[in-house]
C-alpha atoms as a PDB file:
ATOM      1  CA  UNK A   1    -208.361 -66.989  82.431  1.00  0.00           C
ATOM      2  CA  UNK A   2    -208.220 -70.740  81.839  1.00  0.00           C
ATOM      3  CA  UNK A   3    -209.866 -72.404  84.828  1.00  0.00           C
ATOM      4  CA  UNK A   4    -210.587 -76.066  85.296  1.00  0.00           C
ATOM      5  CA  UNK A   5    -212.789 -77.342  88.155  1.00  0.00           C
ATOM      6  CA  UNK A   6    -210.969 -79.939  90.274  1.00  0.00           C
ATOM      7  CA  UNK A   7    -212.974 -80.531  93.460  1.00  0.00           C
ATOM      8  CA  UNK A   8    -216.433 -79.678  94.742  1.00  0.00           C
ATOM      9  CA  UNK A   9    -218.774 -79.983  97.673  1.00  0.00           C
ATOM     10  CA  UNK A  10    -222.216 -79.896  96.079  1.00  0.00           C
ATOM     11  CA  UNK A  11    -224.112 -79.129  99.311  1.00  0.00           C
ATOM     12  CA  UNK A  12    -222.589 -77.794 102.501  1.00  0.00           C
ATOM     13  CA  UNK A  13    -224.693 -76.327 105.295  1.00  0.00           C
ATOM     14  CA  UNK A  14    -223.330 -73.359 107.257  1.00  0.00           C
ATOM     15  CA  UNK A  15    -224.810 -71.588 110.271  1.00  0.00           C
ATOM     16  CA  UNK A  16    -225.220 -67.839 109.985  1.00  0.00           C
ATOM     17  CA  UNK A  17    -225.364 -65.748 113.140  1.00  0.00           C
ATOM     18  CA  UNK A  18    -226.845 -62.268 113.116  1.00  0.00           C
ATOM     19  CA  UNK A  19    -225.781 -59.339 115.240  1.00  0.00           C
ATOM     20  CA  UNK A  20    -226.308 -59.832 118.940  1.00  0.00           C
ATOM     21  CA  UNK A  21    -229.770 -58.307 119.379  1.00  0.00           C
ATOM     22  CA  UNK A  22    -228.902 -57.239 122.924  1.00  0.00           C
ATOM     23  CA  UNK A  23    -226.474 -54.694 121.482  1.00  0.00           C
ATOM     24  CA  UNK A  24    -229.513 -52.802 120.138  1.00  0.00           C
ATOM     25  CA  UNK A  25    -231.788 -53.047 123.161  1.00  0.00           C
ATOM     26  CA  UNK A  26    -232.299 -50.188 125.605  1.00  0.00           C
ATOM     27  CA  UNK A  27    -230.948 -50.644 129.125  1.00  0.00           C
ATOM     28  CA  UNK A  28    -233.200 -52.909 131.206  1.00  0.00           C
ATOM     29  CA  UNK A  29    -235.015 -54.479 128.227  1.00  0.00           C
ATOM     30  CA  UNK A  30    -235.677 -58.220 128.232  1.00  0.00           C
ATOM     31  CA  UNK A  31    -233.080 -60.134 126.161  1.00  0.00           C
ATOM     32  CA  UNK A  32    -234.112 -61.659 122.828  1.00  0.00           C
ATOM     33  CA  UNK A  33    -233.027 -65.051 121.486  1.00  0.00           C
ATOM     34  CA  UNK A  34    -230.022 -64.938 119.135  1.00  0.00           C
ATOM     35  CA  UNK A  35    -230.668 -64.540 115.411  1.00  0.00           C
ATOM     36  CA  UNK A  36    -229.472 -67.751 113.712  1.00  0.00           C
ATOM     37  CA  UNK A  37    -230.263 -69.571 110.499  1.00  0.00           C
ATOM     38  CA  UNK A  38    -228.482 -71.798 108.001  1.00  0.00           C
ATOM     39  CA  UNK A  39    -227.535 -71.588 104.333  1.00  0.00           C
ATOM     40  CA  UNK A  40    -226.636 -74.167 101.707  1.00  0.00           C
ATOM     41  CA  UNK A  41    -223.389 -73.653  99.790  1.00  0.00           C
ATOM     42  CA  UNK A  42    -221.799 -75.159  96.726  1.00  0.00           C
ATOM     43  CA  UNK A  43    -218.006 -74.976  96.933  1.00  0.00           C
ATOM     44  CA  UNK A  44    -215.690 -75.557  93.968  1.00  0.00           C
ATOM     45  CA  UNK A  45    -211.910 -75.422  93.686  1.00  0.00           C
ATOM     46  CA  UNK A  46    -210.653 -74.509  90.216  1.00  0.00           C
ATOM     47  CA  UNK A  47    -207.115 -74.985  88.900  1.00  0.00           C
ATOM     48  CA  UNK A  48    -205.779 -71.846  87.236  1.00  0.00           C
ATOM     49  CA  UNK A  49    -202.670 -71.370  85.138  1.00  0.00           C
ATOM     50  CA  UNK A  50    -201.138 -70.029  88.358  1.00  0.00           C
ATOM     51  CA  UNK A  51    -202.723 -71.199  91.601  1.00  0.00           C
ATOM     52  CA  UNK A  52    -206.202 -72.231  92.652  1.00  0.00           C
ATOM     53  CA  UNK A  53    -209.540 -70.483  93.043  1.00  0.00           C
ATOM     54  CA  UNK A  54    -212.004 -71.393  95.828  1.00  0.00           C
ATOM     55  CA  UNK A  55    -215.519 -70.392  94.737  1.00  0.00           C
ATOM     56  CA  UNK A  56    -218.557 -70.328  97.037  1.00  0.00           C
ATOM     57  CA  UNK A  57    -222.134 -70.079  95.769  1.00  0.00           C
ATOM     58  CA  UNK A  58    -225.176 -69.932  98.021  1.00  0.00           C
ATOM     59  CA  UNK A  59    -228.877 -70.175  97.497  1.00  0.00           C
ATOM     60  CA  UNK A  60    -230.548 -67.112  98.924  1.00  0.00           C
ATOM     61  CA  UNK A  61    -227.531 -65.602 100.706  1.00  0.00           C
ATOM     62  CA  UNK A  62    -225.540 -63.531  98.181  1.00  0.00           C
ATOM     63  CA  UNK A  63    -223.167 -62.253 100.874  1.00  0.00           C
ATOM     64  CA  UNK A  64    -221.738 -65.816 101.004  1.00  0.00           C
ATOM     65  CA  UNK A  65    -220.992 -65.859  97.254  1.00  0.00           C
ATOM     66  CA  UNK A  66    -217.395 -65.151  96.367  1.00  0.00           C
ATOM     67  CA  UNK A  67    -213.979 -66.479  95.535  1.00  0.00           C
ATOM     68  CA  UNK A  68    -210.464 -66.447  96.920  1.00  0.00           C
ATOM     69  CA  UNK A  69    -207.154 -67.134  95.151  1.00  0.00           C
ATOM     70  CA  UNK A  70    -204.551 -69.485  96.656  1.00  0.00           C
ATOM     71  CA  UNK A  71    -201.045 -70.401  95.493  1.00  0.00           C
ATOM     72  CA  UNK A  72    -201.472 -74.082  96.475  1.00  0.00           C
ATOM     73  CA  UNK A  73    -204.323 -76.586  96.548  1.00  0.00           C
ATOM     74  CA  UNK A  74    -203.639 -77.241 100.229  1.00  0.00           C
ATOM     75  CA  UNK A  75    -204.172 -73.551 101.012  1.00  0.00           C
ATOM     76  CA  UNK A  76    -207.496 -73.565  99.134  1.00  0.00           C
ATOM     77  CA  UNK A  77    -208.667 -76.574 101.187  1.00  0.00           C
ATOM     78  CA  UNK A  78    -207.467 -74.870 104.392  1.00  0.00           C
ATOM     79  CA  UNK A  79    -209.377 -71.675 103.544  1.00  0.00           C
ATOM     80  CA  UNK A  80    -212.585 -73.653 102.974  1.00  0.00           C
ATOM     81  CA  UNK A  81    -212.109 -75.428 106.312  1.00  0.00           C
ATOM     82  CA  UNK A  82    -211.436 -72.186 108.186  1.00  0.00           C
ATOM     83  CA  UNK A  83    -214.148 -70.101 106.511  1.00  0.00           C
ATOM     84  CA  UNK A  84    -216.926 -72.669 106.028  1.00  0.00           C
ATOM     85  CA  UNK A  85    -216.078 -75.563 108.367  1.00  0.00           C
ATOM     86  CA  UNK A  86    -215.468 -78.150 105.647  1.00  0.00           C
ATOM     87  CA  UNK A  87    -213.567 -81.394 106.152  1.00  0.00           C
ATOM     88  CA  UNK A  88    -211.265 -83.251 103.768  1.00  0.00           C
ATOM     89  CA  UNK A  89    -213.728 -86.141 103.373  1.00  0.00           C
ATOM     90  CA  UNK A  90    -216.450 -83.895 101.942  1.00  0.00           C
ATOM     91  CA  UNK A  91    -214.558 -82.961  98.767  1.00  0.00           C
ATOM     92  CA  UNK A  92    -215.359 -84.895  95.595  1.00  0.00           C
ATOM     93  CA  UNK A  93    -212.974 -84.931  92.649  1.00  0.00           C
ATOM     94  CA  UNK A  94    -214.541 -83.566  89.438  1.00  0.00           C
ATOM     95  CA  UNK A  95    -213.752 -85.773  86.466  1.00  0.00           C
ATOM     96  CA  UNK A  96    -212.806 -84.189  83.151  1.00  0.00           C
END
């Protein structure tokens, strides 16, 4: 596979919510505060011979690492916005 990186967001913070702890409490138990923390991601969009690959890499949260294939660059940007809350102004073009 011949991939070429086109755009990246070097550091993007995302909030991670855990399961609602009240779902696990017995009836009548005092509620607990929600489980929430953040993670730092590096996002890269690669050009492929056919389509584009959105790659996410996290530090310390391997369940956020992954990639998705998209037929157009616009769809890759839209996936990043929907999944990670990115905005168009955050993306930096990677020079060859």
